[in-house]
Amino acid sequence: QVQLVESGGGLVQPGGSLRLSCAASGSIFRLYVMGWYRQAPGKQRELVAAITSGGSTNYADSVKGRFTISRDNAKNTVYLQMNSLKPEDTAVYYCNAHNYMTSRDYWGQGTQVTVAS
């Protein structure tokens, strides 16, 4: 079992930046692939970025070169640095923890990111 708490969302102008954080507790952090997903109104939830405990990363094509995922295993925290934000990045962003051993998924409560002028 793992609990995830996201922070860092908000309103930002196009071209601006935000950093999301997700603090995990309740289990062994290194057992999890950590990811950020997003869901815009009327659309399906989609993977934005993911990172393994060893630091390997994967990004959606739409955010490559603009977003950076990182994790601090000592702090049990994963980050998403979002630069050059666009209105189409507007969505609720969810933190996800995928357990290597059990294949179980855990989700945070979501944080709203709105990109508008």
C-alpha atoms as a PDB file:
ATOM      1  CA  GLN A   1       0.000   0.000   0.000  1.00  0.00           C
ATOM      2  CA  VAL A   2       1.248   3.479  -0.855  1.00  0.00           C
ATOM      3  CA  GLN A   3      -0.237   6.913  -0.392  1.00  0.00           C
ATOM      4  CA  LEU A   4       0.479   9.683  -2.889  1.00  0.00           C
ATOM      5  CA  VAL A   5       0.049  13.406  -2.300  1.00  0.00           C
ATOM      6  CA  GLU A   6       0.502  15.822  -5.196  1.00  0.00           C
ATOM      7  CA  SER A   7       1.208  19.533  -5.029  1.00  0.00           C
ATOM      8  CA  GLY A   8       2.285  22.364  -7.302  1.00  0.00           C
ATOM      9  CA  GLY A   9      -0.592  22.817  -9.713  1.00  0.00           C
ATOM     10  CA  GLY A  10      -2.135  26.166 -10.534  1.00  0.00           C
ATOM     11  CA  LEU A  11      -2.800  28.776 -13.176  1.00  0.00           C
ATOM     12  CA  VAL A  12       0.040  29.835 -15.455  1.00  0.00           C
ATOM     13  CA  GLN A  13       0.294  31.843 -18.665  1.00  0.00           C
ATOM     14  CA  PRO A  14       1.302  30.209 -21.947  1.00  0.00           C
ATOM     15  CA  GLY A  15       5.061  29.853 -22.074  1.00  0.00           C
ATOM     16  CA  GLY A  16       5.326  29.685 -18.308  1.00  0.00           C
ATOM     17  CA  SER A  17       6.565  26.946 -16.011  1.00  0.00           C
ATOM     18  CA  LEU A  18       5.285  24.876 -13.115  1.00  0.00           C
ATOM     19  CA  ARG A  19       6.786  22.099 -11.032  1.00  0.00           C
ATOM     20  CA  LEU A  20       4.588  19.338  -9.684  1.00  0.00           C
ATOM     21  CA  SER A  21       5.617  17.226  -6.720  1.00  0.00           C
ATOM     22  CA  CYS A  22       4.308  13.883  -5.521  1.00  0.00           C
ATOM     23  CA  ALA A  23       5.249  12.602  -2.093  1.00  0.00           C
ATOM     24  CA  ALA A  24       4.868   8.868  -1.508  1.00  0.00           C
ATOM     25  CA  SER A  25       4.518   7.104   1.811  1.00  0.00           C
ATOM     26  CA  GLY A  26       3.619   3.717   3.180  1.00  0.00           C
ATOM     27  CA  SER A  27       5.798   1.418   1.103  1.00  0.00           C
ATOM     28  CA  ILE A  28       9.262   0.904  -0.343  1.00  0.00           C
ATOM     29  CA  PHE A  29       9.663   3.658  -2.911  1.00  0.00           C
ATOM     30  CA  ARG A  30      12.282   1.894  -4.995  1.00  0.00           C
ATOM     31  CA  LEU A  31       9.793  -0.882  -5.838  1.00  0.00           C
ATOM     32  CA  TYR A  32       7.715   1.545  -7.888  1.00  0.00           C
ATOM     33  CA  VAL A  33       7.811   2.986 -11.348  1.00  0.00           C
ATOM     34  CA  MET A  34       6.539   6.506 -10.813  1.00  0.00           C
ATOM     35  CA  GLY A  35       4.540   8.340 -13.418  1.00  0.00           C
ATOM     36  CA  TRP A  36       2.511  11.419 -14.159  1.00  0.00           C
ATOM     37  CA  TYR A  37      -0.733  11.148 -16.072  1.00  0.00           C
ATOM     38  CA  ARG A  38      -3.182  13.840 -17.090  1.00  0.00           C
ATOM     39  CA  GLN A  39      -6.826  14.027 -17.983  1.00  0.00           C
ATOM     40  CA  ALA A  40      -8.403  16.937 -19.801  1.00  0.00           C
ATOM     41  CA  PRO A  41     -12.187  17.473 -19.848  1.00  0.00           C
ATOM     42  CA  GLY A  42     -13.847  15.027 -22.214  1.00  0.00           C
ATOM     43  CA  LYS A  43     -10.642  13.118 -22.849  1.00  0.00           C
ATOM     44  CA  GLN A  44      -9.107   9.902 -21.607  1.00  0.00           C
ATOM     45  CA  ARG A  45      -6.371   9.863 -19.031  1.00  0.00           C
ATOM     46  CA  GLU A  46      -2.987   9.725 -20.732  1.00  0.00           C
ATOM     47  CA  LEU A  47       0.584   9.054 -19.679  1.00  0.00           C
ATOM     48  CA  VAL A  48       2.732  12.177 -19.573  1.00  0.00           C
ATOM     49  CA  ALA A  49       6.002  10.796 -18.218  1.00  0.00           C
ATOM     50  CA  ALA A  50       7.354   7.900 -16.185  1.00  0.00           C
ATOM     51  CA  ILE A  51      10.590   7.087 -14.377  1.00  0.00           C
ATOM     52  CA  THR A  52      11.995   3.858 -12.993  1.00  0.00           C
ATOM     53  CA  SER A  53      13.838   3.576  -9.698  1.00  0.00           C
ATOM     54  CA  GLY A  54      17.068   3.534 -11.697  1.00  0.00           C
ATOM     55  CA  GLY A  55      16.230   6.773 -13.456  1.00  0.00           C
ATOM     56  CA  SER A  56      15.142   5.570 -16.901  1.00  0.00           C
ATOM     57  CA  THR A  57      12.483   7.878 -18.301  1.00  0.00           C
ATOM     58  CA  ASN A  58       9.698   7.811 -20.857  1.00  0.00           C
ATOM     59  CA  TYR A  59       7.727  10.773 -22.203  1.00  0.00           C
ATOM     60  CA  ALA A  60       4.653  11.379 -24.300  1.00  0.00           C
ATOM     61  CA  ASP A  61       5.609  12.861 -27.655  1.00  0.00           C
ATOM     62  CA  SER A  62       3.565  15.964 -26.894  1.00  0.00           C
ATOM     63  CA  VAL A  63       5.764  16.928 -23.924  1.00  0.00           C
ATOM     64  CA  LYS A  64       9.223  15.813 -25.051  1.00  0.00           C
ATOM     65  CA  GLY A  65      11.726  18.627 -24.726  1.00  0.00           C
ATOM     66  CA  ARG A  66       9.406  20.650 -22.474  1.00  0.00           C
ATOM     67  CA  PHE A  67       8.739  18.439 -19.441  1.00  0.00           C
ATOM     68  CA  THR A  68      11.243  16.653 -17.211  1.00  0.00           C
ATOM     69  CA  ILE A  69      10.425  13.925 -14.725  1.00  0.00           C
ATOM     70  CA  SER A  70      12.776  13.198 -11.846  1.00  0.00           C
ATOM     71  CA  ARG A  71      12.707  11.375  -8.538  1.00  0.00           C
ATOM     72  CA  ASP A  72      14.477  11.646  -5.226  1.00  0.00           C
ATOM     73  CA  ASN A  73      14.510   8.157  -3.745  1.00  0.00           C
ATOM     74  CA  ALA A  74      15.813   9.474  -0.420  1.00  0.00           C
ATOM     75  CA  LYS A  75      12.782  11.770  -0.108  1.00  0.00           C
ATOM     76  CA  ASN A  76      10.274   9.348  -1.667  1.00  0.00           C
ATOM     77  CA  THR A  77       9.257  12.106  -4.049  1.00  0.00           C
ATOM     78  CA  VAL A  78       8.781  12.411  -7.791  1.00  0.00           C
ATOM     79  CA  TYR A  79       8.728  15.699  -9.662  1.00  0.00           C
ATOM     80  CA  LEU A  80       7.472  16.954 -12.996  1.00  0.00           C
ATOM     81  CA  GLN A  81       9.101  20.126 -14.238  1.00  0.00           C
ATOM     82  CA  MET A  82       6.902  21.652 -16.926  1.00  0.00           C
ATOM     83  CA  ASN A  83       8.336  24.392 -19.133  1.00  0.00           C
ATOM     84  CA  SER A  84       7.002  26.211 -22.196  1.00  0.00           C
ATOM     85  CA  LEU A  85       3.475  25.359 -21.148  1.00  0.00           C
ATOM     86  CA  LYS A  86       0.703  25.475 -23.718  1.00  0.00           C
ATOM     87  CA  PRO A  87      -3.071  25.807 -23.333  1.00  0.00           C
ATOM     88  CA  GLU A  88      -3.391  22.199 -24.455  1.00  0.00           C
ATOM     89  CA  ASP A  89      -1.442  21.138 -21.357  1.00  0.00           C
ATOM     90  CA  THR A  90      -4.447  22.166 -19.269  1.00  0.00           C
ATOM     91  CA  ALA A  91      -5.654  19.107 -17.349  1.00  0.00           C
ATOM     92  CA  VAL A  92      -5.829  17.431 -13.993  1.00  0.00           C
ATOM     93  CA  TYR A  93      -2.446  15.818 -13.391  1.00  0.00           C
ATOM     94  CA  TYR A  94      -2.281  12.576 -11.445  1.00  0.00           C
ATOM     95  CA  CYS A  95       0.669  10.910  -9.804  1.00  0.00           C
ATOM     96  CA  ASN A  96       0.885   7.150 -10.289  1.00  0.00           C
ATOM     97  CA  ALA A  97       2.917   4.473  -8.548  1.00  0.00           C
ATOM     98  CA  HIS A  98       3.235   1.099 -10.272  1.00  0.00           C
ATOM     99  CA  ASN A  99       4.618  -1.718  -8.149  1.00  0.00           C
ATOM    100  CA  TYR A 100       7.174  -3.834 -10.020  1.00  0.00           C
ATOM    101  CA  MET A 101       6.481  -6.928  -7.940  1.00  0.00           C
ATOM    102  CA  THR A 102       2.686  -6.972  -7.688  1.00  0.00           C
ATOM    103  CA  SER A 103       1.730  -4.890 -10.749  1.00  0.00           C
ATOM    104  CA  ARG A 104      -0.638  -2.888  -8.568  1.00  0.00           C
ATOM    105  CA  ASP A 105      -1.244   0.757  -9.339  1.00  0.00           C
ATOM    106  CA  TYR A 106      -1.852   3.569  -6.888  1.00  0.00           C
ATOM    107  CA  TRP A 107      -3.075   7.073  -7.673  1.00  0.00           C
ATOM    108  CA  GLY A 108      -2.913  10.480  -6.106  1.00  0.00           C
ATOM    109  CA  GLN A 109      -5.922  12.757  -5.814  1.00  0.00           C
ATOM    110  CA  GLY A 110      -4.902  14.920  -8.773  1.00  0.00           C
ATOM    111  CA  THR A 111      -3.838  18.526  -9.116  1.00  0.00           C
ATOM    112  CA  GLN A 112      -5.274  21.025 -11.599  1.00  0.00           C
ATOM    113  CA  VAL A 113      -2.972  22.710 -14.105  1.00  0.00           C
ATOM    114  CA  THR A 114      -4.510  25.515 -16.143  1.00  0.00           C
ATOM    115  CA  VAL A 115      -2.578  27.284 -18.893  1.00  0.00           C
ATOM    116  CA  ALA A 116      -4.347  30.457 -19.964  1.00  0.00           C
ATOM    117  CA  SER A 117      -3.608  34.106 -20.593  1.00  0.00           C
END
